[in-house]
Structure formats: structure tokens, C-alpha cells
C-alpha atoms as a PDB file:
ATOM      1  CA  UNK A   1      17.633   8.479  -1.809  1.00  0.00           C
ATOM      2  CA  UNK A   2      20.947  10.231  -1.295  1.00  0.00           C
ATOM      3  CA  UNK A   3      22.570  10.957   1.765  1.00  0.00           C
ATOM      4  CA  UNK A   4      23.939  14.347   2.066  1.00  0.00           C
ATOM      5  CA  UNK A   5      27.206  14.439   3.792  1.00  0.00           C
ATOM      6  CA  UNK A   6      27.928  17.820   5.836  1.00  0.00           C
ATOM      7  CA  UNK A   7      29.348  20.711   4.326  1.00  0.00           C
ATOM      8  CA  UNK A   8      31.356  23.492   5.738  1.00  0.00           C
ATOM      9  CA  UNK A   9      34.663  25.273   5.394  1.00  0.00           C
ATOM     10  CA  UNK A  10      37.554  23.597   3.634  1.00  0.00           C
ATOM     11  CA  UNK A  11      38.901  20.291   4.495  1.00  0.00           C
ATOM     12  CA  UNK A  12      42.568  20.306   5.181  1.00  0.00           C
ATOM     13  CA  UNK A  13      42.437  17.617   7.961  1.00  0.00           C
ATOM     14  CA  UNK A  14      43.038  13.927   7.175  1.00  0.00           C
ATOM     15  CA  UNK A  15      39.678  12.054   7.422  1.00  0.00           C
ATOM     16  CA  UNK A  16      39.618   9.442  10.299  1.00  0.00           C
ATOM     17  CA  UNK A  17      36.082   8.123   9.800  1.00  0.00           C
ATOM     18  CA  UNK A  18      34.879   6.365   6.633  1.00  0.00           C
ATOM     19  CA  UNK A  19      32.513   8.603   4.506  1.00  0.00           C
ATOM     20  CA  UNK A  20      28.769   8.487   4.865  1.00  0.00           C
ATOM     21  CA  UNK A  21      27.411   5.863   2.567  1.00  0.00           C
ATOM     22  CA  UNK A  22      25.701   7.944  -0.388  1.00  0.00           C
ATOM     23  CA  UNK A  23      23.665   5.080  -2.039  1.00  0.00           C
ATOM     24  CA  UNK A  24      21.318   2.498  -0.028  1.00  0.00           C
ATOM     25  CA  UNK A  25      22.070  -0.851   0.116  1.00  0.00           C
ATOM     26  CA  UNK A  26      19.397  -3.773  -0.732  1.00  0.00           C
ATOM     27  CA  UNK A  27      19.109  -4.146   2.972  1.00  0.00           C
ATOM     28  CA  UNK A  28      18.314  -0.118   3.434  1.00  0.00           C
ATOM     29  CA  UNK A  29      15.769  -0.259   0.249  1.00  0.00           C
ATOM     30  CA  UNK A  30      13.945  -3.429   1.820  1.00  0.00           C
ATOM     31  CA  UNK A  31      13.349  -1.611   5.113  1.00  0.00           C
ATOM     32  CA  UNK A  32      11.273   1.345   3.184  1.00  0.00           C
ATOM     33  CA  UNK A  33       9.069  -1.652   1.985  1.00  0.00           C
ATOM     34  CA  UNK A  34       8.238  -3.001   5.387  1.00  0.00           C
ATOM     35  CA  UNK A  35       5.048  -2.812   6.726  1.00  0.00           C
ATOM     36  CA  UNK A  36       4.768  -0.283   9.601  1.00  0.00           C
ATOM     37  CA  UNK A  37       4.673  -1.881  13.118  1.00  0.00           C
ATOM     38  CA  UNK A  38       1.010  -0.704  13.893  1.00  0.00           C
ATOM     39  CA  UNK A  39      -0.589  -2.453  10.913  1.00  0.00           C
ATOM     40  CA  UNK A  40      -1.907  -6.176  11.737  1.00  0.00           C
ATOM     41  CA  UNK A  41      -0.600  -9.082   9.584  1.00  0.00           C
ATOM     42  CA  UNK A  42      -3.445 -11.417  10.579  1.00  0.00           C
ATOM     43  CA  UNK A  43      -7.106 -11.073  10.906  1.00  0.00           C
ATOM     44  CA  UNK A  44      -8.880 -11.511  14.092  1.00  0.00           C
ATOM     45  CA  UNK A  45     -12.221 -10.879  15.416  1.00  0.00           C
ATOM     46  CA  UNK A  46     -15.279  -9.339  13.750  1.00  0.00           C
ATOM     47  CA  UNK A  47     -14.561  -6.464  11.144  1.00  0.00           C
ATOM     48  CA  UNK A  48     -16.453  -3.327  11.687  1.00  0.00           C
ATOM     49  CA  UNK A  49     -19.473  -3.453   9.319  1.00  0.00           C
ATOM     50  CA  UNK A  50     -19.451   0.421   8.291  1.00  0.00           C
ATOM     51  CA  UNK A  51     -15.782   0.126   7.353  1.00  0.00           C
ATOM     52  CA  UNK A  52     -16.355  -3.258   4.978  1.00  0.00           C
ATOM     53  CA  UNK A  53     -19.116  -1.270   3.587  1.00  0.00           C
ATOM     54  CA  UNK A  54     -17.208   1.557   2.735  1.00  0.00           C
ATOM     55  CA  UNK A  55     -14.377  -0.901   1.327  1.00  0.00           C
ATOM     56  CA  UNK A  56     -17.142  -2.651  -0.768  1.00  0.00           C
ATOM     57  CA  UNK A  57     -18.457   0.328  -2.376  1.00  0.00           C
ATOM     58  CA  UNK A  58     -14.920   1.857  -3.159  1.00  0.00           C
ATOM     59  CA  UNK A  59     -14.115  -1.489  -4.835  1.00  0.00           C
ATOM     60  CA  UNK A  60     -17.204  -1.510  -6.856  1.00  0.00           C
ATOM     61  CA  UNK A  61     -16.592   1.861  -8.139  1.00  0.00           C
ATOM     62  CA  UNK A  62     -13.102   1.120  -8.793  1.00  0.00           C
ATOM     63  CA  UNK A  63     -14.133  -1.955 -10.716  1.00  0.00           C
ATOM     64  CA  UNK A  64     -16.341  -0.069 -12.736  1.00  0.00           C
ATOM     65  CA  UNK A  65     -13.038   2.053 -13.951  1.00  0.00           C
ATOM     66  CA  UNK A  66     -14.245   5.333 -12.465  1.00  0.00           C
ATOM     67  CA  UNK A  67     -10.977   6.290 -10.850  1.00  0.00           C
ATOM     68  CA  UNK A  68     -11.772   9.813 -10.106  1.00  0.00           C
ATOM     69  CA  UNK A  69     -15.208   8.822  -8.021  1.00  0.00           C
ATOM     70  CA  UNK A  70     -13.021   5.753  -6.189  1.00  0.00           C
ATOM     71  CA  UNK A  71     -10.581   8.712  -5.403  1.00  0.00           C
ATOM     72  CA  UNK A  72     -13.466  10.457  -3.349  1.00  0.00           C
ATOM     73  CA  UNK A  73     -13.386   7.434  -0.961  1.00  0.00           C
ATOM     74  CA  UNK A  74      -9.970   8.720   0.450  1.00  0.00           C
ATOM     75  CA  UNK A  75      -9.230  10.668   3.252  1.00  0.00           C
ATOM     76  CA  UNK A  76      -6.861  13.797   2.681  1.00  0.00           C
ATOM     77  CA  UNK A  77      -3.395  12.765   4.453  1.00  0.00           C
ATOM     78  CA  UNK A  78      -4.355   8.954   3.858  1.00  0.00           C
ATOM     79  CA  UNK A  79      -1.506   6.597   3.894  1.00  0.00           C
ATOM     80  CA  UNK A  80      -0.674   3.860   1.188  1.00  0.00           C
ATOM     81  CA  UNK A  81       1.862   1.223   0.849  1.00  0.00           C
ATOM     82  CA  UNK A  82       1.720  -1.399  -2.073  1.00  0.00           C
ATOM     83  CA  UNK A  83       5.122  -2.884  -2.531  1.00  0.00           C
ATOM     84  CA  UNK A  84       6.612   0.968  -1.906  1.00  0.00           C
ATOM     85  CA  UNK A  85       7.458   2.964   1.021  1.00  0.00           C
ATOM     86  CA  UNK A  86       4.587   4.700   3.021  1.00  0.00           C
ATOM     87  CA  UNK A  87       2.991   7.373   0.867  1.00  0.00           C
ATOM     88  CA  UNK A  88       0.977  10.012   2.212  1.00  0.00           C
ATOM     89  CA  UNK A  89      -1.975  11.049  -0.280  1.00  0.00           C
ATOM     90  CA  UNK A  90      -2.418  14.745   0.354  1.00  0.00           C
ATOM     91  CA  UNK A  91      -4.074  16.039  -2.812  1.00  0.00           C
ATOM     92  CA  UNK A  92      -6.984  14.821  -5.300  1.00  0.00           C
ATOM     93  CA  UNK A  93      -4.195  14.257  -8.164  1.00  0.00           C
ATOM     94  CA  UNK A  94      -2.624  11.941  -5.803  1.00  0.00           C
ATOM     95  CA  UNK A  95      -5.924  10.356  -4.920  1.00  0.00           C
ATOM     96  CA  UNK A  96      -6.451   9.708  -8.657  1.00  0.00           C
ATOM     97  CA  UNK A  97      -2.866   8.349  -9.016  1.00  0.00           C
ATOM     98  CA  UNK A  98      -3.320   5.891  -6.462  1.00  0.00           C
ATOM     99  CA  UNK A  99      -6.566   4.470  -8.050  1.00  0.00           C
ATOM    100  CA  UNK A 100      -4.512   4.410 -11.435  1.00  0.00           C
ATOM    101  CA  UNK A 101      -1.631   2.523  -9.797  1.00  0.00           C
ATOM    102  CA  UNK A 102      -4.208  -0.404  -9.212  1.00  0.00           C
ATOM    103  CA  UNK A 103      -4.113  -2.649 -12.170  1.00  0.00           C
ATOM    104  CA  UNK A 104      -6.907  -4.941 -10.897  1.00  0.00           C
ATOM    105  CA  UNK A 105     -10.145  -4.593  -9.514  1.00  0.00           C
ATOM    106  CA  UNK A 106     -10.944  -6.537  -6.751  1.00  0.00           C
ATOM    107  CA  UNK A 107     -13.993  -8.304  -4.634  1.00  0.00           C
ATOM    108  CA  UNK A 108     -14.050  -8.897  -0.773  1.00  0.00           C
ATOM    109  CA  UNK A 109     -13.627 -12.728  -0.128  1.00  0.00           C
ATOM    110  CA  UNK A 110     -13.285 -12.357   3.670  1.00  0.00           C
ATOM    111  CA  UNK A 111     -12.964  -9.815   6.091  1.00  0.00           C
ATOM    112  CA  UNK A 112     -12.015  -9.514   9.606  1.00  0.00           C
ATOM    113  CA  UNK A 113     -10.475  -7.378  12.520  1.00  0.00           C
ATOM    114  CA  UNK A 114      -8.816  -6.393  14.429  1.00  0.00           C
ATOM    115  CA  UNK A 115     -10.214  -2.563  14.945  1.00  0.00           C
ATOM    116  CA  UNK A 116      -9.517   0.022  13.889  1.00  0.00           C
ATOM    117  CA  UNK A 117      -8.289  -2.016  10.708  1.00  0.00           C
ATOM    118  CA  UNK A 118     -10.041  -4.433   8.563  1.00  0.00           C
ATOM    119  CA  UNK A 119      -7.725  -7.280   7.222  1.00  0.00           C
ATOM    120  CA  UNK A 120      -9.323  -8.593   4.160  1.00  0.00           C
ATOM    121  CA  UNK A 121      -8.451 -11.414   1.452  1.00  0.00           C
ATOM    122  CA  UNK A 122      -9.485 -10.110  -2.053  1.00  0.00           C
ATOM    123  CA  UNK A 123     -10.378 -11.900  -4.779  1.00  0.00           C
ATOM    124  CA  UNK A 124      -8.784 -10.081  -8.088  1.00  0.00           C
ATOM    125  CA  UNK A 125     -10.471  -9.280 -11.194  1.00  0.00           C
ATOM    126  CA  UNK A 126     -10.255  -7.235 -14.098  1.00  0.00           C
ATOM    127  CA  UNK A 127     -11.473  -3.507 -14.195  1.00  0.00           C
ATOM    128  CA  UNK A 128     -12.045  -1.161 -16.726  1.00  0.00           C
ATOM    129  CA  UNK A 129      -9.115   0.764 -17.440  1.00  0.00           C
ATOM    130  CA  UNK A 130      -6.758  -1.579 -15.756  1.00  0.00           C
ATOM    131  CA  UNK A 131      -4.872  -4.466 -16.826  1.00  0.00           C
ATOM    132  CA  UNK A 132      -4.855  -7.296 -14.116  1.00  0.00           C
ATOM    133  CA  UNK A 133      -3.421  -9.909 -16.607  1.00  0.00           C
ATOM    134  CA  UNK A 134      -2.473 -13.357 -14.913  1.00  0.00           C
ATOM    135  CA  UNK A 135      -3.512 -11.995 -11.367  1.00  0.00           C
ATOM    136  CA  UNK A 136      -7.311 -12.049 -12.209  1.00  0.00           C
ATOM    137  CA  UNK A 137      -8.844 -14.924 -10.044  1.00  0.00           C
ATOM    138  CA  UNK A 138      -5.887 -14.979  -7.610  1.00  0.00           C
ATOM    139  CA  UNK A 139      -6.202 -13.342  -4.054  1.00  0.00           C
ATOM    140  CA  UNK A 140      -4.534 -10.562  -2.440  1.00  0.00           C
ATOM    141  CA  UNK A 141      -4.562  -9.534   1.269  1.00  0.00           C
ATOM    142  CA  UNK A 142      -4.572  -6.157   2.661  1.00  0.00           C
ATOM    143  CA  UNK A 143      -5.265  -3.887   5.919  1.00  0.00           C
ATOM    144  CA  UNK A 144      -7.385  -0.904   5.826  1.00  0.00           C
ATOM    145  CA  UNK A 145      -8.579   1.621   8.457  1.00  0.00           C
ATOM    146  CA  UNK A 146     -11.592   3.618   7.364  1.00  0.00           C
ATOM    147  CA  UNK A 147     -12.173   6.777   9.703  1.00  0.00           C
ATOM    148  CA  UNK A 148     -15.292   9.060   9.006  1.00  0.00           C
ATOM    149  CA  UNK A 149     -16.281   7.191   5.685  1.00  0.00           C
ATOM    150  CA  UNK A 150     -13.167   7.627   4.272  1.00  0.00           C
ATOM    151  CA  UNK A 151      -9.845   5.272   3.738  1.00  0.00           C
ATOM    152  CA  UNK A 152      -7.401   6.513   6.063  1.00  0.00           C
ATOM    153  CA  UNK A 153      -4.746   3.957   5.454  1.00  0.00           C
ATOM    154  CA  UNK A 154      -4.372   1.025   3.086  1.00  0.00           C
ATOM    155  CA  UNK A 155      -1.584  -1.576   3.136  1.00  0.00           C
ATOM    156  CA  UNK A 156      -0.940  -4.402   0.694  1.00  0.00           C
ATOM    157  CA  UNK A 157       0.038  -7.545   3.232  1.00  0.00           C
ATOM    158  CA  UNK A 158       1.753 -10.129   2.143  1.00  0.00           C
ATOM    159  CA  UNK A 159       0.043 -13.560   1.039  1.00  0.00           C
ATOM    160  CA  UNK A 160       2.004 -15.200   4.161  1.00  0.00           C
ATOM    161  CA  UNK A 161       0.956 -13.384   7.488  1.00  0.00           C
ATOM    162  CA  UNK A 162       4.417 -14.321   8.541  1.00  0.00           C
ATOM    163  CA  UNK A 163       6.096 -12.605   6.014  1.00  0.00           C
ATOM    164  CA  UNK A 164       6.951  -8.799   6.673  1.00  0.00           C
ATOM    165  CA  UNK A 165       6.938  -7.554   2.962  1.00  0.00           C
ATOM    166  CA  UNK A 166       4.304  -7.843   0.123  1.00  0.00           C
ATOM    167  CA  UNK A 167       4.569 -10.450  -2.496  1.00  0.00           C
ATOM    168  CA  UNK A 168       5.312  -8.384  -5.475  1.00  0.00           C
ATOM    169  CA  UNK A 169       4.411 -10.660  -8.084  1.00  0.00           C
ATOM    170  CA  UNK A 170       0.536 -10.926  -6.890  1.00  0.00           C
ATOM    171  CA  UNK A 171       0.874  -7.201  -5.927  1.00  0.00           C
ATOM    172  CA  UNK A 172       1.810  -6.097  -9.793  1.00  0.00           C
ATOM    173  CA  UNK A 173      -0.997  -7.977 -11.137  1.00  0.00           C
ATOM    174  CA  UNK A 174       0.764 -11.277 -11.283  1.00  0.00           C
ATOM    175  CA  UNK A 175       3.639 -10.331 -13.116  1.00  0.00           C
ATOM    176  CA  UNK A 176       7.136 -10.363 -11.442  1.00  0.00           C
ATOM    177  CA  UNK A 177       8.933  -7.154 -11.107  1.00  0.00           C
END
């Protein structure tokens, strides 16, 4: 992102402060990829069964390659982060785009709390319409919040709960970016 410096009248005075940075540094770029503070990194407690059922149904539809139907599991205004900054999903087209962005299908291997999130370990699979490549058979972690029967927040968690940023290689279907 570009930062716009202030503009206004002519600049006839000597600049006494350094110019504003207009390009992000690598550290700035990584900050956008960090998980929000409210997202749990570790599983603890029992997962909400109704939320797990919604997630399992969504994954089943996605594995079949029905991206339009899978998009209906998402709430309008849902938050989504998968090796990206946190995105807000506002339109049906954006909901479908999220489904298309997921190269792998998945099955739930393990689900736990803490509420209101479900912290999951997924077993990655091939899916119709996607290409998981060498990621198939590996696991990935996620934190999903379901509200009123729809996915309201979806975050890709790092494979190591102590990390702050997702493992891009697994996120991208097993190929490094």
C-alpha cells in the first residue's frame, strides 16, 4: 500500500523532517499477515457441536467442487485470512472467490474450542475444481467461528501454535510461494 503524504500549498520552506515512507518494508508487510489478537492459536476445551456440523457440511460441499453452494455457508461480512491480510467478505461474488481460492478440499481430523471459535486440524484432500498437489494428505490448522449457522470468521493457523504467521507452503497446497 502506498502512503499518501499531505498536500497543500507550495513548499518553499526547507524540509526539516524526513519524508514519509511510501513503500512498506518487509516487516510492515508481515504485520498485515499476523493473526488478529482475538483468534485462538491453540485448541482447548470442547468444540461447539453445532459449529462443527456446519463446518463439516461446508467442507463436504467444497470437496464435491460446488463452490457456489459452499459460498452459501458464509455470512455476509465474514472475515477471512489465509496467508493474506484479513479480508471482509461482503458479496456473493466474494464468497465464491474465497471458495475458489482454496486449492484443497479437507476433512476434519480434530476439533476443539475455545468458544466461540472451533480450532481444527484438517486433513487436506484433492477436491473437484481445485488442485491440492503435494498438499494432499498433509494437515493444516484453522480457527473458525460459526454464528447463526454461517461461517463468520475463518483464519488459517500456523502448523506450530507458537508461531504468529501461517505456514505459506501448506496454505498454498504444499508448494512454496
